[in-house]
Amino acid sequence: MLSNTSKGESRGGSKVKADFGGVSREIDISLVDAKVGDYVMVHAGFAIEIMDEHEAKETLELWKEMLEKYEYEFPRGSIEYGKTNSQG
């Protein structure tokens, strides 16, 4: 299961505008008791867990490191989606 960590920015009922590394998305917080400013684990558009700030920042740093490594190994435009090296 893949999920991501986000920080809630503004609220409108059970929906929260959340920041995903500079990209804002609306998520549903009806499954948790989250408030604006809380860090949450998000899966399929739903907040599924409230995270403490230290744990959330650690998780975000790990995501950042993985993405930087991926970008170094596969610069944008260097491979086509769905093709492997054996397919040319």
N, C-alpha and C. Protein backbone atom coordinates (compact mmCIF):
# COMPACT_ATOMS: atom_id res chain seq x y z
N MET A 1 0.85 -1.17 0.00
CA MET A 1 0.00 0.00 0.00
C MET A 1 0.89 1.24 0.00
N LEU A 2 0.66 2.14 -0.89
CA LEU A 2 1.38 3.40 -0.92
C LEU A 2 0.56 4.49 -0.27
N SER A 3 1.23 5.34 0.46
CA SER A 3 0.58 6.50 1.06
C SER A 3 1.60 7.61 1.13
N ASN A 4 1.16 8.79 1.48
CA ASN A 4 2.04 9.94 1.53
C ASN A 4 1.73 10.77 2.75
N THR A 5 2.69 11.58 3.16
CA THR A 5 2.54 12.44 4.32
C THR A 5 2.23 13.85 3.85
N SER A 6 1.32 14.50 4.54
CA SER A 6 0.90 15.85 4.16
C SER A 6 0.58 16.66 5.40
N LYS A 7 0.60 17.98 5.23
CA LYS A 7 0.23 18.90 6.31
C LYS A 7 -1.00 19.68 5.88
N GLY A 8 -2.05 19.62 6.71
CA GLY A 8 -3.29 20.33 6.40
C GLY A 8 -3.10 21.83 6.46
N GLU A 9 -3.65 22.55 5.46
CA GLU A 9 -3.51 23.99 5.38
C GLU A 9 -4.80 24.75 5.67
N SER A 10 -5.92 24.27 5.17
CA SER A 10 -7.20 24.95 5.40
C SER A 10 -8.30 23.91 5.41
N ARG A 11 -9.41 24.25 6.05
CA ARG A 11 -10.46 23.26 6.24
C ARG A 11 -11.80 23.75 5.72
N GLY A 12 -12.57 22.82 5.18
CA GLY A 12 -13.94 23.07 4.75
C GLY A 12 -14.76 21.83 5.01
N GLY A 13 -15.34 21.70 6.20
CA GLY A 13 -16.08 20.50 6.57
C GLY A 13 -15.14 19.34 6.79
N SER A 14 -15.41 18.21 6.11
CA SER A 14 -14.53 17.04 6.25
C SER A 14 -13.40 17.06 5.22
N LYS A 15 -13.31 18.12 4.45
CA LYS A 15 -12.25 18.25 3.44
C LYS A 15 -11.20 19.25 3.93
N VAL A 16 -9.95 18.95 3.62
CA VAL A 16 -8.83 19.82 3.98
C VAL A 16 -7.96 20.01 2.75
N LYS A 17 -7.53 21.22 2.53
CA LYS A 17 -6.53 21.48 1.49
C LYS A 17 -5.18 21.16 2.13
N ALA A 18 -4.43 20.27 1.50
CA ALA A 18 -3.18 19.80 2.08
C ALA A 18 -2.02 20.03 1.12
N ASP A 19 -0.85 20.22 1.69
CA ASP A 19 0.37 20.45 0.91
C ASP A 19 1.13 19.15 0.77
N PHE A 20 1.40 18.77 -0.48
CA PHE A 20 2.22 17.60 -0.78
C PHE A 20 3.48 18.10 -1.48
N GLY A 21 4.42 18.59 -0.71
CA GLY A 21 5.69 19.05 -1.28
C GLY A 21 5.53 20.17 -2.27
N GLY A 22 4.64 21.11 -1.98
CA GLY A 22 4.43 22.26 -2.86
C GLY A 22 3.23 22.12 -3.77
N VAL A 23 2.61 20.97 -3.79
CA VAL A 23 1.40 20.74 -4.58
C VAL A 23 0.22 20.62 -3.63
N SER A 24 -0.79 21.47 -3.82
CA SER A 24 -1.97 21.42 -2.95
C SER A 24 -3.03 20.49 -3.52
N ARG A 25 -3.58 19.67 -2.65
CA ARG A 25 -4.65 18.75 -3.01
C ARG A 25 -5.69 18.75 -1.90
N GLU A 26 -6.93 18.47 -2.26
CA GLU A 26 -7.97 18.35 -1.26
C GLU A 26 -8.04 16.90 -0.80
N ILE A 27 -8.05 16.70 0.52
CA ILE A 27 -8.15 15.36 1.08
C ILE A 27 -9.33 15.30 2.04
N ASP A 28 -9.81 14.11 2.28
CA ASP A 28 -10.92 13.88 3.19
C ASP A 28 -10.36 13.44 4.54
N ILE A 29 -10.77 14.13 5.61
CA ILE A 29 -10.27 13.79 6.95
C ILE A 29 -11.35 13.16 7.83
N SER A 30 -12.41 12.65 7.22
CA SER A 30 -13.52 12.10 7.99
C SER A 30 -13.15 10.85 8.77
N LEU A 31 -12.04 10.19 8.43
CA LEU A 31 -11.63 8.97 9.13
C LEU A 31 -10.76 9.23 10.35
N VAL A 32 -10.25 10.46 10.49
CA VAL A 32 -9.38 10.82 11.63
C VAL A 32 -9.82 12.15 12.21
N ASP A 33 -9.37 12.45 13.40
CA ASP A 33 -9.72 13.71 14.06
C ASP A 33 -8.59 14.72 13.86
N ALA A 34 -8.32 15.07 12.60
CA ALA A 34 -7.22 15.97 12.27
C ALA A 34 -7.68 17.42 12.27
N LYS A 35 -6.73 18.30 12.57
CA LYS A 35 -6.97 19.74 12.55
C LYS A 35 -5.99 20.39 11.58
N VAL A 36 -6.28 21.61 11.18
CA VAL A 36 -5.35 22.36 10.33
C VAL A 36 -4.01 22.43 11.05
N GLY A 37 -2.95 22.14 10.33
CA GLY A 37 -1.61 22.14 10.89
C GLY A 37 -1.11 20.76 11.29
N ASP A 38 -2.03 19.78 11.40
CA ASP A 38 -1.62 18.41 11.70
C ASP A 38 -0.98 17.78 10.48
N TYR A 39 -0.03 16.89 10.72
CA TYR A 39 0.52 16.06 9.66
C TYR A 39 -0.28 14.78 9.64
N VAL A 40 -0.65 14.32 8.44
CA VAL A 40 -1.44 13.10 8.31
C VAL A 40 -0.84 12.20 7.24
N MET A 41 -1.08 10.90 7.39
CA MET A 41 -0.74 9.93 6.36
C MET A 41 -1.96 9.85 5.45
N VAL A 42 -1.75 9.97 4.14
CA VAL A 42 -2.85 10.01 3.18
C VAL A 42 -2.75 8.84 2.22
N HIS A 43 -3.89 8.19 1.99
CA HIS A 43 -3.97 7.11 1.01
C HIS A 43 -5.28 7.26 0.25
N ALA A 44 -5.20 7.27 -1.07
CA ALA A 44 -6.37 7.36 -1.94
C ALA A 44 -7.26 8.55 -1.60
N GLY A 45 -6.63 9.66 -1.22
CA GLY A 45 -7.37 10.89 -0.95
C GLY A 45 -7.95 11.00 0.45
N PHE A 46 -7.71 10.00 1.29
CA PHE A 46 -8.21 10.02 2.67
C PHE A 46 -7.05 10.06 3.65
N ALA A 47 -7.17 10.93 4.67
CA ALA A 47 -6.23 10.91 5.78
C ALA A 47 -6.53 9.65 6.58
N ILE A 48 -5.52 8.81 6.79
CA ILE A 48 -5.75 7.54 7.49
C ILE A 48 -5.05 7.48 8.84
N GLU A 49 -4.18 8.46 9.11
CA GLU A 49 -3.47 8.47 10.39
C GLU A 49 -2.93 9.86 10.66
N ILE A 50 -3.01 10.30 11.91
CA ILE A 50 -2.37 11.55 12.32
C ILE A 50 -0.96 11.21 12.77
N MET A 51 0.01 11.96 12.29
CA MET A 51 1.41 11.71 12.63
C MET A 51 1.94 12.82 13.51
N ASP A 52 2.87 12.48 14.41
CA ASP A 52 3.50 13.56 15.17
C ASP A 52 4.50 14.27 14.25
N GLU A 53 4.80 15.51 14.57
CA GLU A 53 5.60 16.35 13.68
C GLU A 53 6.97 15.74 13.38
N HIS A 54 7.63 15.20 14.39
CA HIS A 54 8.97 14.62 14.19
C HIS A 54 8.91 13.45 13.21
N GLU A 55 7.96 12.53 13.42
CA GLU A 55 7.80 11.38 12.54
C GLU A 55 7.47 11.82 11.11
N ALA A 56 6.59 12.81 10.99
CA ALA A 56 6.20 13.29 9.66
C ALA A 56 7.38 13.91 8.93
N LYS A 57 8.15 14.75 9.61
CA LYS A 57 9.30 15.39 8.96
C LYS A 57 10.35 14.38 8.57
N GLU A 58 10.53 13.34 9.39
CA GLU A 58 11.46 12.27 9.07
C GLU A 58 10.99 11.53 7.80
N THR A 59 9.71 11.23 7.73
CA THR A 59 9.14 10.56 6.57
C THR A 59 9.28 11.42 5.32
N LEU A 60 9.00 12.71 5.43
CA LEU A 60 9.13 13.61 4.28
C LEU A 60 10.57 13.69 3.80
N GLU A 61 11.52 13.68 4.73
CA GLU A 61 12.94 13.72 4.36
C GLU A 61 13.33 12.44 3.61
N LEU A 62 12.83 11.29 4.05
CA LEU A 62 13.12 10.04 3.36
C LEU A 62 12.54 10.04 1.94
N TRP A 63 11.30 10.53 1.79
CA TRP A 63 10.70 10.66 0.45
C TRP A 63 11.56 11.55 -0.44
N LYS A 64 12.02 12.68 0.12
CA LYS A 64 12.85 13.62 -0.63
C LYS A 64 14.14 12.94 -1.10
N GLU A 65 14.79 12.20 -0.20
CA GLU A 65 16.02 11.50 -0.56
C GLU A 65 15.78 10.47 -1.66
N MET A 66 14.68 9.70 -1.55
CA MET A 66 14.37 8.70 -2.57
C MET A 66 14.11 9.36 -3.92
N LEU A 67 13.35 10.45 -3.92
CA LEU A 67 13.04 11.13 -5.18
C LEU A 67 14.29 11.74 -5.81
N GLU A 68 15.18 12.30 -4.99
CA GLU A 68 16.43 12.85 -5.52
C GLU A 68 17.28 11.74 -6.12
N LYS A 69 17.35 10.58 -5.47
CA LYS A 69 18.11 9.45 -5.99
C LYS A 69 17.49 8.98 -7.31
N TYR A 70 16.17 8.87 -7.35
CA TYR A 70 15.49 8.43 -8.57
C TYR A 70 15.76 9.42 -9.70
N GLU A 71 15.67 10.71 -9.41
CA GLU A 71 15.89 11.74 -10.44
C GLU A 71 17.33 11.69 -10.94
N TYR A 72 18.28 11.37 -10.06
CA TYR A 72 19.69 11.26 -10.46
C TYR A 72 19.87 10.06 -11.39
N GLU A 73 19.25 8.92 -11.04
CA GLU A 73 19.41 7.70 -11.83
C GLU A 73 18.61 7.73 -13.12
N PHE A 74 17.45 8.39 -13.10
CA PHE A 74 16.57 8.45 -14.27
C PHE A 74 16.15 9.90 -14.51
N PRO A 75 17.04 10.73 -15.07
CA PRO A 75 16.67 12.13 -15.32
C PRO A 75 15.41 12.22 -16.16
N ARG A 76 14.64 13.27 -15.95
CA ARG A 76 13.39 13.45 -16.70
C ARG A 76 13.66 13.34 -18.20
N GLY A 77 12.81 12.56 -18.86
CA GLY A 77 12.93 12.39 -20.30
C GLY A 77 13.93 11.33 -20.73
N SER A 78 14.63 10.69 -19.78
CA SER A 78 15.65 9.72 -20.17
C SER A 78 15.08 8.35 -20.48
N ILE A 79 13.89 8.05 -19.97
CA ILE A 79 13.26 6.77 -20.27
C ILE A 79 11.80 7.02 -20.59
N GLU A 80 11.22 6.14 -21.35
CA GLU A 80 9.81 6.26 -21.67
C GLU A 80 9.02 5.38 -20.72
N TYR A 81 7.86 5.85 -20.33
CA TYR A 81 6.99 5.11 -19.43
C TYR A 81 6.69 3.73 -20.01
N GLY A 82 6.89 2.70 -19.18
CA GLY A 82 6.53 1.35 -19.59
C GLY A 82 7.60 0.60 -20.36
N LYS A 83 8.69 1.24 -20.73
CA LYS A 83 9.74 0.56 -21.46
C LYS A 83 10.89 0.21 -20.51
N THR A 84 11.47 -0.95 -20.72
CA THR A 84 12.66 -1.33 -19.97
C THR A 84 13.86 -1.22 -20.91
N ASN A 85 15.06 -1.34 -20.35
CA ASN A 85 16.26 -1.24 -21.18
C ASN A 85 16.28 -2.31 -22.27
N SER A 86 15.73 -3.49 -22.00
CA SER A 86 15.73 -4.57 -23.00
C SER A 86 14.79 -4.28 -24.16
N GLN A 87 13.85 -3.35 -23.98
CA GLN A 87 12.90 -3.03 -25.05
C GLN A 87 13.38 -1.90 -25.94
N GLY A 88 14.50 -1.29 -25.56
CA GLY A 88 15.07 -0.23 -26.38
C GLY A 88 14.39 1.02 -26.18
